Amino acid sequence: MGEYININSWLLILMTSDRNPLKLILDTDPGGDDIFALFWIQSLVKQGFAELLAITTAEGNVPAKYTFNAACQILELGDLEDVPVGRGVDVPHKRFNDASHIH
């Protein structure tokens, strides 16, 4: 199984060690806050601190097709289009607080 660590501990490890880049799989529903996190992770990848293996997207407050598209667009902006993105399953009976204006 993967290792789960506190974000502050992770940053300390990244900045103070000669470890190999941490391998990440990000599970997200990219809207406003998750998009900023994805930009931050991309900056860590570009600096050699992390390796983004894949992204999985899930429904949040919009359907999965919007979160998938958002993740793909953010990766394209960061020139990381080669990172695979998995699209979550749409749940037809779920009611959303529509936030498509930020996705």
Protein backbone atom coordinates (compact mmCIF):
# COMPACT_ATOMS: atom_id res chain seq x y z
CA MET A 1 0.00 0.00 0.00
CA GLY A 2 0.97 3.60 -0.47
CA GLU A 3 2.30 5.83 2.22
CA TYR A 4 0.09 8.60 3.60
CA ILE A 5 1.81 11.50 5.30
CA ASN A 6 0.86 14.95 6.56
CA ILE A 7 1.42 17.71 4.00
CA ASN A 8 3.76 19.64 6.32
CA SER A 9 5.88 16.53 6.86
CA TRP A 10 5.90 15.95 3.12
CA LEU A 11 7.18 19.46 2.42
CA LEU A 12 9.91 19.07 5.02
CA ILE A 13 11.00 15.78 3.47
CA LEU A 14 11.01 17.28 -0.02
CA MET A 15 13.06 20.31 0.88
CA THR A 16 15.65 18.70 3.16
CA SER A 17 16.52 15.34 1.66
CA ASP A 18 18.21 13.77 -1.30
CA ARG A 19 15.34 11.30 -1.76
CA ASN A 20 14.07 10.31 -5.13
CA PRO A 21 11.02 12.31 -6.21
CA LEU A 22 7.84 11.26 -4.44
CA LYS A 23 5.50 9.37 -6.75
CA LEU A 24 1.99 10.79 -6.65
CA ILE A 25 -1.44 9.69 -7.83
CA LEU A 26 -3.86 12.56 -7.31
CA ASP A 27 -7.56 11.87 -6.75
CA THR A 28 -9.44 15.12 -7.19
CA ASP A 29 -12.59 16.95 -8.24
CA PRO A 30 -10.84 20.00 -9.67
CA GLY A 31 -12.71 23.20 -9.09
CA GLY A 32 -11.20 26.31 -7.55
CA ASP A 33 -9.19 24.92 -4.62
CA ASP A 34 -8.12 21.66 -6.26
CA ILE A 35 -6.93 23.50 -9.34
CA PHE A 36 -4.52 25.52 -7.20
CA ALA A 37 -3.30 22.29 -5.60
CA LEU A 38 -2.74 20.80 -9.06
CA PHE A 39 -0.74 23.87 -10.13
CA TRP A 40 1.36 23.49 -6.98
CA ILE A 41 1.98 19.79 -7.67
CA GLN A 42 2.98 20.64 -11.23
CA SER A 43 5.55 23.09 -9.90
CA LEU A 44 6.97 20.34 -7.66
CA VAL A 45 7.17 18.03 -10.69
CA LYS A 46 9.00 20.70 -12.70
CA GLN A 47 11.49 21.17 -9.83
CA GLY A 48 12.11 17.41 -9.58
CA PHE A 49 10.58 17.00 -6.12
CA ALA A 50 7.64 14.86 -7.27
CA GLU A 51 6.55 12.59 -10.09
CA LEU A 52 2.87 12.76 -11.01
CA LEU A 53 1.98 9.24 -12.14
CA ALA A 54 -1.73 9.77 -12.78
CA ILE A 55 -4.81 11.75 -11.86
CA THR A 56 -8.22 10.32 -11.12
CA THR A 57 -11.18 12.66 -11.22
CA ALA A 58 -14.42 12.30 -9.34
CA GLU A 59 -17.75 14.00 -9.16
CA GLY A 60 -17.78 16.82 -6.69
CA ASN A 61 -20.40 19.48 -7.03
CA VAL A 62 -20.47 18.99 -10.81
CA PRO A 63 -20.61 15.86 -12.99
CA ALA A 64 -17.46 13.84 -13.65
CA LYS A 65 -17.13 15.05 -17.25
CA TYR A 66 -16.46 18.60 -15.99
CA THR A 67 -13.88 17.56 -13.40
CA PHE A 68 -12.15 15.37 -16.02
CA ASN A 69 -12.05 18.25 -18.51
CA ALA A 70 -10.73 20.64 -15.86
CA ALA A 71 -7.88 18.28 -14.90
CA CYS A 72 -6.92 17.78 -18.55
CA GLN A 73 -6.91 21.53 -19.21
CA ILE A 74 -4.74 22.26 -16.16
CA LEU A 75 -2.25 19.57 -17.19
CA GLU A 76 -2.12 21.08 -20.67
CA LEU A 77 -1.40 24.52 -19.21
CA GLY A 78 1.50 23.02 -17.26
CA ASP A 79 2.81 21.12 -20.28
CA LEU A 80 2.13 17.78 -18.56
CA GLU A 81 -0.36 16.32 -21.05
CA ASP A 82 1.40 12.94 -20.87
CA VAL A 83 0.06 12.33 -17.33
CA PRO A 84 -2.86 9.89 -17.61
CA VAL A 85 -6.23 11.12 -16.32
CA GLY A 86 -8.98 8.73 -15.29
CA ARG A 87 -12.57 9.92 -15.40
CA GLY A 88 -14.88 9.10 -12.53
CA VAL A 89 -18.25 7.47 -13.03
CA ASP A 90 -21.29 9.69 -13.38
CA VAL A 91 -23.92 9.06 -10.73
CA PRO A 92 -27.23 9.90 -12.45
CA HIS A 93 -29.36 10.07 -9.31
CA LYS A 94 -27.04 12.45 -7.47
CA ARG A 95 -28.18 16.05 -7.13
CA PHE A 96 -25.50 18.70 -7.34
CA ASN A 97 -25.14 22.12 -5.90
CA ASP A 98 -24.19 23.38 -9.33
CA ALA A 99 -20.74 24.93 -9.38
CA SER A 100 -20.03 24.62 -13.09
CA HIS A 101 -19.04 28.31 -13.15
CA ILE A 102 -15.73 27.37 -11.47
CA HIS A 103 -15.03 24.13 -13.36
